[in-house]
PDB file of N, CA and C in Angstrom:
ATOM      1  N   MET A   1       1.807  17.980  18.811  1.00  0.00           N
ATOM      2  CA  MET A   1       2.731  17.467  17.816  1.00  0.00           C
ATOM      3  C   MET A   1       1.944  17.128  16.550  1.00  0.00           C
ATOM      4  N   ASP A   2       2.325  17.749  15.460  1.00  0.00           N
ATOM      5  CA  ASP A   2       1.678  17.473  14.183  1.00  0.00           C
ATOM      6  C   ASP A   2       2.435  16.395  13.439  1.00  0.00           C
ATOM      7  N   ILE A   3       1.700  15.396  12.992  1.00  0.00           N
ATOM      8  CA  ILE A   3       2.279  14.335  12.174  1.00  0.00           C
ATOM      9  C   ILE A   3       1.799  14.564  10.753  1.00  0.00           C
ATOM     10  N   VAL A   4       2.745  14.579   9.819  1.00  0.00           N
ATOM     11  CA  VAL A   4       2.429  14.839   8.416  1.00  0.00           C
ATOM     12  C   VAL A   4       3.034  13.750   7.548  1.00  0.00           C
ATOM     13  N   ALA A   5       2.564  13.671   6.302  1.00  0.00           N
ATOM     14  CA  ALA A   5       3.091  12.699   5.349  1.00  0.00           C
ATOM     15  C   ALA A   5       4.603  12.861   5.230  1.00  0.00           C
ATOM     16  N   GLY A   6       5.305  11.740   5.242  1.00  0.00           N
ATOM     17  CA  GLY A   6       6.759  11.745   5.137  1.00  0.00           C
ATOM     18  C   GLY A   6       7.470  11.601   6.470  1.00  0.00           C
ATOM     19  N   ASP A   7       6.751  11.818   7.574  1.00  0.00           N
ATOM     20  CA  ASP A   7       7.360  11.655   8.898  1.00  0.00           C
ATOM     21  C   ASP A   7       7.686  10.191   9.157  1.00  0.00           C
ATOM     22  N   VAL A   8       8.755   9.956   9.904  1.00  0.00           N
ATOM     23  CA  VAL A   8       9.091   8.615  10.381  1.00  0.00           C
ATOM     24  C   VAL A   8       8.599   8.536  11.816  1.00  0.00           C
ATOM     25  N   VAL A   9       7.780   7.525  12.091  1.00  0.00           N
ATOM     26  CA  VAL A   9       7.120   7.409  13.387  1.00  0.00           C
ATOM     27  C   VAL A   9       7.256   5.995  13.930  1.00  0.00           C
ATOM     28  N   GLN A  10       6.890   5.858  15.189  1.00  0.00           N
ATOM     29  CA  GLN A  10       6.848   4.552  15.844  1.00  0.00           C
ATOM     30  C   GLN A  10       5.682   4.586  16.819  1.00  0.00           C
ATOM     31  N   LEU A  11       5.037   3.456  17.006  1.00  0.00           N
ATOM     32  CA  LEU A  11       3.975   3.373  18.005  1.00  0.00           C
ATOM     33  C   LEU A  11       4.548   3.660  19.384  1.00  0.00           C
ATOM     34  N   LYS A  12       3.790   4.341  20.223  1.00  0.00           N
ATOM     35  CA  LYS A  12       4.242   4.622  21.583  1.00  0.00           C
ATOM     36  C   LYS A  12       4.522   3.330  22.344  1.00  0.00           C
ATOM     37  N   SER A  13       3.838   2.247  21.961  1.00  0.00           N
ATOM     38  CA  SER A  13       4.029   0.955  22.614  1.00  0.00           C
ATOM     39  C   SER A  13       5.213   0.181  22.043  1.00  0.00           C
ATOM     40  N   GLY A  14       5.884   0.742  21.027  1.00  0.00           N
ATOM     41  CA  GLY A  14       7.032   0.081  20.420  1.00  0.00           C
ATOM     42  C   GLY A  14       6.710  -0.455  19.043  1.00  0.00           C
ATOM     43  N   GLY A  15       7.626  -1.227  18.490  1.00  0.00           N
ATOM     44  CA  GLY A  15       7.425  -1.795  17.166  1.00  0.00           C
ATOM     45  C   GLY A  15       8.366  -1.179  16.152  1.00  0.00           C
ATOM     46  N   PRO A  16       8.146  -1.499  14.873  1.00  0.00           N
ATOM     47  CA  PRO A  16       9.058  -1.017  13.831  1.00  0.00           C
ATOM     48  C   PRO A  16       8.877   0.478  13.573  1.00  0.00           C
ATOM     49  N   THR A  17       9.906   1.101  13.010  1.00  0.00           N
ATOM     50  CA  THR A  17       9.737   2.472  12.542  1.00  0.00           C
ATOM     51  C   THR A  17       8.932   2.418  11.252  1.00  0.00           C
ATOM     52  N   MET A  18       8.090   3.426  11.048  1.00  0.00           N
ATOM     53  CA  MET A  18       7.163   3.446   9.923  1.00  0.00           C
ATOM     54  C   MET A  18       7.207   4.815   9.270  1.00  0.00           C
ATOM     55  N   THR A  19       6.860   4.870   8.005  1.00  0.00           N
ATOM     56  CA  THR A  19       6.762   6.128   7.276  1.00  0.00           C
ATOM     57  C   THR A  19       5.290   6.458   7.077  1.00  0.00           C
ATOM     58  N   VAL A  20       4.925   7.697   7.365  1.00  0.00           N
ATOM     59  CA  VAL A  20       3.542   8.144   7.199  1.00  0.00           C
ATOM     60  C   VAL A  20       3.285   8.430   5.719  1.00  0.00           C
ATOM     61  N   GLU A  21       2.292   7.762   5.144  1.00  0.00           N
ATOM     62  CA  GLU A  21       1.913   7.972   3.748  1.00  0.00           C
ATOM     63  C   GLU A  21       0.929   9.137   3.630  1.00  0.00           C
ATOM     64  N   TRP A  22      -0.092   9.157   4.478  1.00  0.00           N
ATOM     65  CA  TRP A  22      -1.071  10.240   4.469  1.00  0.00           C
ATOM     66  C   TRP A  22      -1.717  10.362   5.833  1.00  0.00           C
ATOM     67  N   VAL A  23      -2.281  11.538   6.092  1.00  0.00           N
ATOM     68  CA  VAL A  23      -2.975  11.817   7.357  1.00  0.00           C
ATOM     69  C   VAL A  23      -4.356  12.356   7.019  1.00  0.00           C
ATOM     70  N   GLU A  24      -5.357  11.837   7.711  1.00  0.00           N
ATOM     71  CA  GLU A  24      -6.740  12.287   7.525  1.00  0.00           C
ATOM     72  C   GLU A  24      -7.395  12.374   8.886  1.00  0.00           C
ATOM     73  N   ASP A  25      -7.807  13.580   9.264  1.00  0.00           N
ATOM     74  CA  ASP A  25      -8.385  13.842  10.579  1.00  0.00           C
ATOM     75  C   ASP A  25      -7.405  13.380  11.660  1.00  0.00           C
ATOM     76  N   SER A  26      -7.779  12.406  12.468  1.00  0.00           N
ATOM     77  CA  SER A  26      -6.917  11.957  13.570  1.00  0.00           C
ATOM     78  C   SER A  26      -6.248  10.616  13.270  1.00  0.00           C
ATOM     79  N   ALA A  27      -6.212  10.222  11.994  1.00  0.00           N
ATOM     80  CA  ALA A  27      -5.625   8.939  11.623  1.00  0.00           C
ATOM     81  C   ALA A  27      -4.490   9.142  10.628  1.00  0.00           C
ATOM     82  N   ALA A  28      -3.472   8.301  10.739  1.00  0.00           N
ATOM     83  CA  ALA A  28      -2.340   8.326   9.819  1.00  0.00           C
ATOM     84  C   ALA A  28      -2.160   6.930   9.231  1.00  0.00           C
ATOM     85  N   TYR A  29      -1.993   6.856   7.911  1.00  0.00           N
ATOM     86  CA  TYR A  29      -1.705   5.583   7.268  1.00  0.00           C
ATOM     87  C   TYR A  29      -0.194   5.443   7.189  1.00  0.00           C
ATOM     88  N   CYS A  30       0.320   4.387   7.795  1.00  0.00           N
ATOM     89  CA  CYS A  30       1.762   4.175   7.901  1.00  0.00           C
ATOM     90  C   CYS A  30       2.164   2.902   7.181  1.00  0.00           C
ATOM     91  N   VAL A  31       3.368   2.926   6.594  1.00  0.00           N
ATOM     92  CA  VAL A  31       3.916   1.743   5.932  1.00  0.00           C
ATOM     93  C   VAL A  31       5.271   1.406   6.540  1.00  0.00           C
ATOM     94  N   TRP A  32       5.612   0.112   6.520  1.00  0.00           N
ATOM     95  CA  TRP A  32       6.889  -0.369   7.031  1.00  0.00           C
ATOM     96  C   TRP A  32       7.203  -1.689   6.341  1.00  0.00           C
ATOM     97  N   PHE A  33       8.424  -2.134   6.486  1.00  0.00           N
ATOM     98  CA  PHE A  33       8.847  -3.391   5.887  1.00  0.00           C
ATOM     99  C   PHE A  33       9.058  -4.432   6.961  1.00  0.00           C
ATOM    100  N   ASP A  34       8.526  -5.629   6.692  1.00  0.00           N
ATOM    101  CA  ASP A  34       8.722  -6.795   7.540  1.00  0.00           C
ATOM    102  C   ASP A  34       9.555  -7.760   6.710  1.00  0.00           C
ATOM    103  N   GLY A  35      10.874  -7.642   6.849  1.00  0.00           N
ATOM    104  CA  GLY A  35      11.763  -8.372   5.947  1.00  0.00           C
ATOM    105  C   GLY A  35      11.691  -7.714   4.584  1.00  0.00           C
ATOM    106  N   LYS A  36      11.262  -8.464   3.569  1.00  0.00           N
ATOM    107  CA  LYS A  36      11.115  -7.913   2.219  1.00  0.00           C
ATOM    108  C   LYS A  36       9.670  -7.532   1.908  1.00  0.00           C
ATOM    109  N   LYS A  37       8.760  -7.839   2.824  1.00  0.00           N
ATOM    110  CA  LYS A  37       7.334  -7.583   2.601  1.00  0.00           C
ATOM    111  C   LYS A  37       6.936  -6.215   3.150  1.00  0.00           C
ATOM    112  N   GLN A  38       6.272  -5.416   2.303  1.00  0.00           N
ATOM    113  CA  GLN A  38       5.772  -4.118   2.765  1.00  0.00           C
ATOM    114  C   GLN A  38       4.409  -4.315   3.409  1.00  0.00           C
ATOM    115  N   SER A  39       4.225  -3.678   4.550  1.00  0.00           N
ATOM    116  CA  SER A  39       2.952  -3.720   5.252  1.00  0.00           C
ATOM    117  C   SER A  39       2.476  -2.296   5.468  1.00  0.00           C
ATOM    118  N   GLY A  40       1.190  -2.138   5.710  1.00  0.00           N
ATOM    119  CA  GLY A  40       0.635  -0.821   5.982  1.00  0.00           C
ATOM    120  C   GLY A  40      -0.620  -0.927   6.819  1.00  0.00           C
ATOM    121  N   GLU A  41      -0.868   0.109   7.612  1.00  0.00           N
ATOM    122  CA  GLU A  41      -2.047   0.130   8.471  1.00  0.00           C
ATOM    123  C   GLU A  41      -2.317   1.559   8.905  1.00  0.00           C
ATOM    124  N   ARG A  42      -3.558   1.809   9.287  1.00  0.00           N
ATOM    125  CA  ARG A  42      -3.952   3.129   9.774  1.00  0.00           C
ATOM    126  C   ARG A  42      -3.921   3.128  11.300  1.00  0.00           C
ATOM    127  N   PHE A  43      -3.356   4.192  11.866  1.00  0.00           N
ATOM    128  CA  PHE A  43      -3.246   4.339  13.314  1.00  0.00           C
ATOM    129  C   PHE A  43      -3.735   5.733  13.724  1.00  0.00           C
ATOM    130  N   TYR A  44      -4.238   5.847  14.932  1.00  0.00           N
ATOM    131  CA  TYR A  44      -4.553   7.168  15.484  1.00  0.00           C
ATOM    132  C   TYR A  44      -3.248   7.925  15.688  1.00  0.00           C
ATOM    133  N   THR A  45      -3.228   9.187  15.313  1.00  0.00           N
ATOM    134  CA  THR A  45      -1.998   9.972  15.461  1.00  0.00           C
ATOM    135  C   THR A  45      -1.578  10.101  16.923  1.00  0.00           C
ATOM    136  N   THR A  46      -2.526  10.008  17.852  1.00  0.00           N
ATOM    137  CA  THR A  46      -2.192  10.107  19.272  1.00  0.00           C
ATOM    138  C   THR A  46      -1.424   8.882  19.755  1.00  0.00           C
ATOM    139  N   SER A  47      -1.397   7.802  18.984  1.00  0.00           N
ATOM    140  CA  SER A  47      -0.668   6.589  19.390  1.00  0.00           C
ATOM    141  C   SER A  47       0.745   6.544  18.809  1.00  0.00           C
ATOM    142  N   LEU A  48       1.161   7.632  18.120  1.00  0.00           N
ATOM    143  CA  LEU A  48       2.449   7.640  17.424  1.00  0.00           C
ATOM    144  C   LEU A  48       3.394   8.682  18.001  1.00  0.00           C
ATOM    145  N   ASN A  49       4.686   8.361  17.957  1.00  0.00           N
ATOM    146  CA  ASN A  49       5.762   9.300  18.291  1.00  0.00           C
ATOM    147  C   ASN A  49       6.635   9.478  17.060  1.00  0.00           C
ATOM    148  N   LYS A  50       7.095  10.711  16.798  1.00  0.00           N
ATOM    149  CA  LYS A  50       8.063  10.931  15.726  1.00  0.00           C
ATOM    150  C   LYS A  50       9.402  10.350  16.170  1.00  0.00           C
ATOM    151  N   VAL A  51      10.134   9.779  15.225  1.00  0.00           N
ATOM    152  CA  VAL A  51      11.443   9.186  15.517  1.00  0.00           C
ATOM    153  C   VAL A  51      12.526  10.129  15.035  1.00  0.00           C
TER     154      VAL A  51
END
């Protein structure tokens, strides 16, 4: 499964839906909103499922 910028994903362990901003090697930088606050973090693509 290829994850690319613009995909909506979720951690396999659960959590909020996130939008992929960019992908580099085996990592994807994802952003999501916690209420009105935007958050972002890098995750291994193997830990993500497309929604």
